[in-house]
Structures are given as C-alpha cells and as structure tokens.
PDB file of N, CA and C in Angstrom:
ATOM      1  N   MET A   1       0.847  -1.183   0.000  1.00  0.00           N
ATOM      2  CA  MET A   1       0.000   0.000   0.000  1.00  0.00           C
ATOM      3  C   MET A   1       0.888   1.239   0.000  1.00  0.00           C
ATOM      4  N   THR A   2       0.645   2.124  -0.951  1.00  0.00           N
ATOM      5  CA  THR A   2       1.403   3.360  -1.057  1.00  0.00           C
ATOM      6  C   THR A   2       0.557   4.505  -0.526  1.00  0.00           C
ATOM      7  N   VAL A   3       1.163   5.325   0.319  1.00  0.00           N
ATOM      8  CA  VAL A   3       0.463   6.473   0.883  1.00  0.00           C
ATOM      9  C   VAL A   3       0.951   7.719   0.167  1.00  0.00           C
ATOM     10  N   GLN A   4       0.031   8.490  -0.387  1.00  0.00           N
ATOM     11  CA  GLN A   4       0.376   9.745  -1.032  1.00  0.00           C
ATOM     12  C   GLN A   4       0.424  10.829   0.033  1.00  0.00           C
ATOM     13  N   ILE A   5       1.519  11.552   0.066  1.00  0.00           N
ATOM     14  CA  ILE A   5       1.662  12.650   1.018  1.00  0.00           C
ATOM     15  C   ILE A   5       1.579  13.956   0.245  1.00  0.00           C
ATOM     16  N   GLU A   6       0.628  14.780   0.615  1.00  0.00           N
ATOM     17  CA  GLU A   6       0.454  16.056  -0.066  1.00  0.00           C
ATOM     18  C   GLU A   6       1.652  16.959   0.222  1.00  0.00           C
ATOM     19  N   GLN A   7       2.193  17.544  -0.815  1.00  0.00           N
ATOM     20  CA  GLN A   7       3.322  18.449  -0.670  1.00  0.00           C
ATOM     21  C   GLN A   7       2.907  19.660   0.152  1.00  0.00           C
ATOM     22  N   PHE A   8       3.846  20.179   0.938  1.00  0.00           N
ATOM     23  CA  PHE A   8       3.549  21.302   1.811  1.00  0.00           C
ATOM     24  C   PHE A   8       3.022  22.509   1.034  1.00  0.00           C
ATOM     25  N   GLY A   9       3.689  22.860  -0.065  1.00  0.00           N
ATOM     26  CA  GLY A   9       3.257  24.023  -0.833  1.00  0.00           C
ATOM     27  C   GLY A   9       1.832  23.892  -1.335  1.00  0.00           C
ATOM     28  N   THR A  10       1.489  22.721  -1.813  1.00  0.00           N
ATOM     29  CA  THR A  10       0.127  22.457  -2.285  1.00  0.00           C
ATOM     30  C   THR A  10      -0.862  22.529  -1.129  1.00  0.00           C
ATOM     31  N   TRP A  11      -0.494  21.910  -0.010  1.00  0.00           N
ATOM     32  CA  TRP A  11      -1.355  21.950   1.171  1.00  0.00           C
ATOM     33  C   TRP A  11      -1.584  23.389   1.616  1.00  0.00           C
ATOM     34  N   LEU A  12      -0.504  24.183   1.643  1.00  0.00           N
ATOM     35  CA  LEU A  12      -0.608  25.567   2.099  1.00  0.00           C
ATOM     36  C   LEU A  12      -1.574  26.361   1.223  1.00  0.00           C
ATOM     37  N   ILE A  13      -1.456  26.236  -0.081  1.00  0.00           N
ATOM     38  CA  ILE A  13      -2.365  26.955  -0.982  1.00  0.00           C
ATOM     39  C   ILE A  13      -3.811  26.531  -0.731  1.00  0.00           C
ATOM     40  N   GLY A  14      -4.013  25.297  -0.362  1.00  0.00           N
ATOM     41  CA  GLY A  14      -5.356  24.811  -0.047  1.00  0.00           C
ATOM     42  C   GLY A  14      -5.962  25.431   1.195  1.00  0.00           C
ATOM     43  N   GLN A  15      -5.173  26.169   1.944  1.00  0.00           N
ATOM     44  CA  GLN A  15      -5.648  26.818   3.168  1.00  0.00           C
ATOM     45  C   GLN A  15      -6.151  28.241   2.908  1.00  0.00           C
ATOM     46  N   TYR A  16      -6.401  28.586   1.647  1.00  0.00           N
ATOM     47  CA  TYR A  16      -6.749  29.959   1.287  1.00  0.00           C
ATOM     48  C   TYR A  16      -8.018  30.471   1.963  1.00  0.00           C
ATOM     49  N   CYS A  17      -8.912  29.602   2.380  1.00  0.00           N
ATOM     50  CA  CYS A  17     -10.142  30.041   3.048  1.00  0.00           C
ATOM     51  C   CYS A  17      -9.963  30.241   4.553  1.00  0.00           C
ATOM     52  N   ARG A  18      -8.826  29.832   5.064  1.00  0.00           N
ATOM     53  CA  ARG A  18      -8.553  29.941   6.500  1.00  0.00           C
ATOM     54  C   ARG A  18      -8.412  31.412   6.881  1.00  0.00           C
ATOM     55  N   LEU A  19      -8.913  31.758   8.028  1.00  0.00           N
ATOM     56  CA  LEU A  19      -8.768  33.120   8.550  1.00  0.00           C
ATOM     57  C   LEU A  19      -7.385  33.290   9.160  1.00  0.00           C
ATOM     58  N   GLY A  20      -6.935  34.512   9.258  1.00  0.00           N
ATOM     59  CA  GLY A  20      -5.672  34.810   9.934  1.00  0.00           C
ATOM     60  C   GLY A  20      -4.470  34.748   9.008  1.00  0.00           C
ATOM     61  N   TRP A  21      -3.298  34.710   9.618  1.00  0.00           N
ATOM     62  CA  TRP A  21      -2.036  34.789   8.880  1.00  0.00           C
ATOM     63  C   TRP A  21      -1.828  33.621   7.923  1.00  0.00           C
ATOM     64  N   ILE A  22      -2.219  32.425   8.333  1.00  0.00           N
ATOM     65  CA  ILE A  22      -2.037  31.276   7.428  1.00  0.00           C
ATOM     66  C   ILE A  22      -2.871  31.473   6.167  1.00  0.00           C
ATOM     67  N   GLY A  23      -4.090  31.937   6.319  1.00  0.00           N
ATOM     68  CA  GLY A  23      -4.924  32.221   5.159  1.00  0.00           C
ATOM     69  C   GLY A  23      -4.338  33.323   4.290  1.00  0.00           C
ATOM     70  N   ASP A  24      -3.794  34.353   4.927  1.00  0.00           N
ATOM     71  CA  ASP A  24      -3.153  35.429   4.174  1.00  0.00           C
ATOM     72  C   ASP A  24      -1.976  34.896   3.361  1.00  0.00           C
ATOM     73  N   LEU A  25      -1.163  34.066   3.995  1.00  0.00           N
ATOM     74  CA  LEU A  25      -0.021  33.470   3.309  1.00  0.00           C
ATOM     75  C   LEU A  25      -0.495  32.578   2.159  1.00  0.00           C
ATOM     76  N   ALA A  26      -1.535  31.807   2.398  1.00  0.00           N
ATOM     77  CA  ALA A  26      -2.067  30.909   1.369  1.00  0.00           C
ATOM     78  C   ALA A  26      -2.589  31.690   0.168  1.00  0.00           C
ATOM     79  N   ARG A  27      -3.303  32.755   0.416  1.00  0.00           N
ATOM     80  CA  ARG A  27      -3.834  33.563  -0.683  1.00  0.00           C
ATOM     81  C   ARG A  27      -2.710  34.233  -1.461  1.00  0.00           C
ATOM     82  N   SER A  28      -1.697  34.685  -0.753  1.00  0.00           N
ATOM     83  CA  SER A  28      -0.538  35.273  -1.413  1.00  0.00           C
ATOM     84  C   SER A  28       0.173  34.231  -2.276  1.00  0.00           C
ATOM     85  N   ALA A  29       0.339  33.031  -1.734  1.00  0.00           N
ATOM     86  CA  ALA A  29       1.008  31.945  -2.461  1.00  0.00           C
ATOM     87  C   ALA A  29       0.210  31.558  -3.702  1.00  0.00           C
ATOM     88  N   ALA A  30      -1.103  31.510  -3.574  1.00  0.00           N
ATOM     89  CA  ALA A  30      -1.948  31.120  -4.699  1.00  0.00           C
ATOM     90  C   ALA A  30      -1.822  32.089  -5.869  1.00  0.00           C
ATOM     91  N   GLY A  31      -1.566  33.342  -5.573  1.00  0.00           N
ATOM     92  CA  GLY A  31      -1.439  34.343  -6.616  1.00  0.00           C
ATOM     93  C   GLY A  31      -0.023  34.542  -7.122  1.00  0.00           C
ATOM     94  N   ASP A  32       0.924  33.803  -6.569  1.00  0.00           N
ATOM     95  CA  ASP A  32       2.344  33.952  -6.914  1.00  0.00           C
ATOM     96  C   ASP A  32       2.755  32.835  -7.869  1.00  0.00           C
ATOM     97  N   GLN A  33       3.005  33.181  -9.118  1.00  0.00           N
ATOM     98  CA  GLN A  33       3.366  32.182 -10.125  1.00  0.00           C
ATOM     99  C   GLN A  33       4.694  31.487  -9.820  1.00  0.00           C
ATOM    100  N   THR A  34       5.539  32.087  -8.993  1.00  0.00           N
ATOM    101  CA  THR A  34       6.844  31.491  -8.689  1.00  0.00           C
ATOM    102  C   THR A  34       6.844  30.717  -7.367  1.00  0.00           C
ATOM    103  N   PHE A  35       5.694  30.654  -6.699  1.00  0.00           N
ATOM    104  CA  PHE A  35       5.617  29.944  -5.420  1.00  0.00           C
ATOM    105  C   PHE A  35       5.893  28.462  -5.632  1.00  0.00           C
ATOM    106  N   PRO A  36       6.741  27.854  -4.781  1.00  0.00           N
ATOM    107  CA  PRO A  36       7.089  26.430  -4.934  1.00  0.00           C
ATOM    108  C   PRO A  36       5.965  25.501  -4.469  1.00  0.00           C
ATOM    109  N   ARG A  37       5.001  25.276  -5.324  1.00  0.00           N
ATOM    110  CA  ARG A  37       3.830  24.468  -4.975  1.00  0.00           C
ATOM    111  C   ARG A  37       4.193  23.047  -4.552  1.00  0.00           C
ATOM    112  N   SER A  38       5.248  22.509  -5.114  1.00  0.00           N
ATOM    113  CA  SER A  38       5.666  21.160  -4.727  1.00  0.00           C
ATOM    114  C   SER A  38       6.784  21.200  -3.687  1.00  0.00           C
ATOM    115  N   GLY A  39       6.997  22.358  -3.102  1.00  0.00           N
ATOM    116  CA  GLY A  39       8.086  22.523  -2.155  1.00  0.00           C
ATOM    117  C   GLY A  39       7.747  22.112  -0.739  1.00  0.00           C
ATOM    118  N   ASP A  40       8.801  21.803  -0.006  1.00  0.00           N
ATOM    119  CA  ASP A  40       8.673  21.524   1.420  1.00  0.00           C
ATOM    120  C   ASP A  40       8.771  22.859   2.172  1.00  0.00           C
ATOM    121  N   PRO A  41       8.612  22.850   3.497  1.00  0.00           N
ATOM    122  CA  PRO A  41       8.661  24.116   4.236  1.00  0.00           C
ATOM    123  C   PRO A  41       9.960  24.902   4.026  1.00  0.00           C
ATOM    124  N   GLU A  42      11.083  24.228   3.877  1.00  0.00           N
ATOM    125  CA  GLU A  42      12.343  24.938   3.663  1.00  0.00           C
ATOM    126  C   GLU A  42      12.374  25.641   2.303  1.00  0.00           C
ATOM    127  N   LYS A  43      11.830  25.021   1.283  1.00  0.00           N
ATOM    128  CA  LYS A  43      11.772  25.673  -0.036  1.00  0.00           C
ATOM    129  C   LYS A  43      10.853  26.886   0.017  1.00  0.00           C
ATOM    130  N   VAL A  44       9.758  26.755   0.731  1.00  0.00           N
ATOM    131  CA  VAL A  44       8.844  27.889   0.878  1.00  0.00           C
ATOM    132  C   VAL A  44       9.538  29.009   1.654  1.00  0.00           C
ATOM    133  N   ARG A  45      10.258  28.669   2.701  1.00  0.00           N
ATOM    134  CA  ARG A  45      10.993  29.664   3.482  1.00  0.00           C
ATOM    135  C   ARG A  45      12.027  30.377   2.595  1.00  0.00           C
ATOM    136  N   GLY A  46      12.735  29.616   1.776  1.00  0.00           N
ATOM    137  CA  GLY A  46      13.701  30.209   0.859  1.00  0.00           C
ATOM    138  C   GLY A  46      13.030  31.158  -0.130  1.00  0.00           C
ATOM    139  N   HIS A  47      11.871  30.765  -0.610  1.00  0.00           N
ATOM    140  CA  HIS A  47      11.114  31.616  -1.533  1.00  0.00           C
ATOM    141  C   HIS A  47      10.724  32.924  -0.841  1.00  0.00           C
ATOM    142  N   LEU A  48      10.239  32.824   0.387  1.00  0.00           N
ATOM    143  CA  LEU A  48       9.864  34.033   1.125  1.00  0.00           C
ATOM    144  C   LEU A  48      11.074  34.946   1.319  1.00  0.00           C
ATOM    145  N   ASN A  49      12.234  34.360   1.568  1.00  0.00           N
ATOM    146  CA  ASN A  49      13.462  35.159   1.679  1.00  0.00           C
ATOM    147  C   ASN A  49      13.766  35.875   0.367  1.00  0.00           C
ATOM    148  N   ARG A  50      13.664  35.141  -0.742  1.00  0.00           N
ATOM    149  CA  ARG A  50      13.989  35.725  -2.057  1.00  0.00           C
ATOM    150  C   ARG A  50      13.067  36.886  -2.425  1.00  0.00           C
ATOM    151  N   ILE A  51      11.811  36.805  -2.021  1.00  0.00           N
ATOM    152  CA  ILE A  51      10.873  37.880  -2.376  1.00  0.00           C
ATOM    153  C   ILE A  51      10.780  38.947  -1.283  1.00  0.00           C
ATOM    154  N   HIS A  52      11.621  38.814  -0.262  1.00  0.00           N
ATOM    155  CA  HIS A  52      11.669  39.792   0.837  1.00  0.00           C
ATOM    156  C   HIS A  52      10.310  39.949   1.511  1.00  0.00           C
ATOM    157  N   ALA A  53       9.725  38.821   1.863  1.00  0.00           N
ATOM    158  CA  ALA A  53       8.416  38.827   2.527  1.00  0.00           C
ATOM    159  C   ALA A  53       8.509  39.488   3.899  1.00  0.00           C
ATOM    160  N   GLU A  54       7.403  39.990   4.349  1.00  0.00           N
ATOM    161  CA  GLU A  54       7.336  40.616   5.672  1.00  0.00           C
ATOM    162  C   GLU A  54       7.462  39.564   6.767  1.00  0.00           C
ATOM    163  N   ALA A  55       7.872  40.001   7.944  1.00  0.00           N
ATOM    164  CA  ALA A  55       8.080  39.099   9.083  1.00  0.00           C
ATOM    165  C   ALA A  55       6.825  38.303   9.419  1.00  0.00           C
ATOM    166  N   ASP A  56       5.651  38.906   9.252  1.00  0.00           N
ATOM    167  CA  ASP A  56       4.392  38.209   9.552  1.00  0.00           C
ATOM    168  C   ASP A  56       4.235  36.941   8.716  1.00  0.00           C
ATOM    169  N   MET A  57       4.721  36.980   7.481  1.00  0.00           N
ATOM    170  CA  MET A  57       4.598  35.807   6.615  1.00  0.00           C
ATOM    171  C   MET A  57       5.482  34.658   7.105  1.00  0.00           C
ATOM    172  N   PHE A  58       6.623  34.986   7.695  1.00  0.00           N
ATOM    173  CA  PHE A  58       7.486  33.947   8.250  1.00  0.00           C
ATOM    174  C   PHE A  58       6.857  33.333   9.500  1.00  0.00           C
ATOM    175  N   GLU A  59       6.191  34.163  10.295  1.00  0.00           N
ATOM    176  CA  GLU A  59       5.474  33.635  11.463  1.00  0.00           C
ATOM    177  C   GLU A  59       4.320  32.745  11.009  1.00  0.00           C
ATOM    178  N   ALA A  60       3.619  33.172   9.968  1.00  0.00           N
ATOM    179  CA  ALA A  60       2.527  32.362   9.423  1.00  0.00           C
ATOM    180  C   ALA A  60       3.061  31.041   8.899  1.00  0.00           C
ATOM    181  N   LEU A  61       4.222  31.078   8.254  1.00  0.00           N
ATOM    182  CA  LEU A  61       4.836  29.852   7.745  1.00  0.00           C
ATOM    183  C   LEU A  61       5.143  28.884   8.883  1.00  0.00           C
ATOM    184  N   GLU A  62       5.682  29.391   9.985  1.00  0.00           N
ATOM    185  CA  GLU A  62       5.968  28.529  11.137  1.00  0.00           C
ATOM    186  C   GLU A  62       4.688  27.899  11.676  1.00  0.00           C
ATOM    187  N   ASP A  63       3.625  28.693  11.773  1.00  0.00           N
ATOM    188  CA  ASP A  63       2.336  28.160  12.245  1.00  0.00           C
ATOM    189  C   ASP A  63       1.797  27.117  11.273  1.00  0.00           C
ATOM    190  N   ALA A  64       1.891  27.407   9.979  1.00  0.00           N
ATOM    191  CA  ALA A  64       1.390  26.474   8.967  1.00  0.00           C
ATOM    192  C   ALA A  64       2.190  25.177   8.986  1.00  0.00           C
ATOM    193  N   GLU A  65       3.497  25.299   9.139  1.00  0.00           N
ATOM    194  CA  GLU A  65       4.342  24.105   9.190  1.00  0.00           C
ATOM    195  C   GLU A  65       3.967  23.220  10.375  1.00  0.00           C
ATOM    196  N   ALA A  66       3.739  23.830  11.523  1.00  0.00           N
ATOM    197  CA  ALA A  66       3.342  23.056  12.712  1.00  0.00           C
ATOM    198  C   ALA A  66       1.994  22.383  12.488  1.00  0.00           C
ATOM    199  N   LEU A  67       1.074  23.089  11.863  1.00  0.00           N
ATOM    200  CA  LEU A  67      -0.243  22.520  11.577  1.00  0.00           C
ATOM    201  C   LEU A  67      -0.122  21.362  10.584  1.00  0.00           C
ATOM    202  N   TRP A  68       0.674  21.539   9.542  1.00  0.00           N
ATOM    203  CA  TRP A  68       0.880  20.513   8.523  1.00  0.00           C
ATOM    204  C   TRP A  68       1.506  19.261   9.142  1.00  0.00           C
ATOM    205  N   PHE A  69       2.519  19.437   9.990  1.00  0.00           N
ATOM    206  CA  PHE A  69       3.113  18.292  10.676  1.00  0.00           C
ATOM    207  C   PHE A  69       2.111  17.623  11.609  1.00  0.00           C
ATOM    208  N   GLY A  70       1.224  18.413  12.169  1.00  0.00           N
ATOM    209  CA  GLY A  70       0.198  17.874  13.053  1.00  0.00           C
ATOM    210  C   GLY A  70      -0.788  16.966  12.353  1.00  0.00           C
ATOM    211  N   PHE A  71      -0.867  17.086  11.037  1.00  0.00           N
ATOM    212  CA  PHE A  71      -1.763  16.226  10.260  1.00  0.00           C
ATOM    213  C   PHE A  71      -1.092  14.914   9.905  1.00  0.00           C
ATOM    214  N   GLY A  72       0.043  14.601  10.550  1.00  0.00           N
ATOM    215  CA  GLY A  72       0.701  13.328  10.330  1.00  0.00           C
ATOM    216  C   GLY A  72       1.659  13.323   9.168  1.00  0.00           C
ATOM    217  N   ARG A  73       2.092  14.499   8.741  1.00  0.00           N
ATOM    218  CA  ARG A  73       3.061  14.563   7.661  1.00  0.00           C
ATOM    219  C   ARG A  73       4.433  14.176   8.202  1.00  0.00           C
ATOM    220  N   PRO A  74       5.346  13.824   7.291  1.00  0.00           N
ATOM    221  CA  PRO A  74       6.691  13.409   7.752  1.00  0.00           C
ATOM    222  C   PRO A  74       7.472  14.540   8.379  1.00  0.00           C
TER     223      PRO A  74
END
C-alpha cells in the first residue's frame, strides 16, 4: 500500500479560506506564479526570503508548518 503525502506548498495553498495569517499566506502563495507548490517548508521559506516577505509571513509559515506536521506529515 502506497500512501500519497500532499506536498507542503500544495497543502498551504489549499488553506486559502482559513482566517488569519495562514490564510493570508495561502492567498498570497496562490497568486504567486513562482511559489514552490511542490516545495517543502524549507523551499517555501527560501522563496519568502527571495521575495523579501514581511516578518508576519514567516510567522505564518511557522504556524502552517506546525499545523501541517500535526496532520501526520513526515
């Protein structure tokens, strides 16, 4: 049995309806053609660094990463 694990970037974009910072980050990611949709949290963090994202987006990323890991991700 093979288990498909949703990529972090894809999962994050799927959170666009969520209220708060995670939702803000998700909506921003959904509109960003260069966002690493198949990326892990480190690739997303690197992307945020490259685009000079605000500090709030990095805090949202940390919250989203904790939530994503909480769903049983590796």
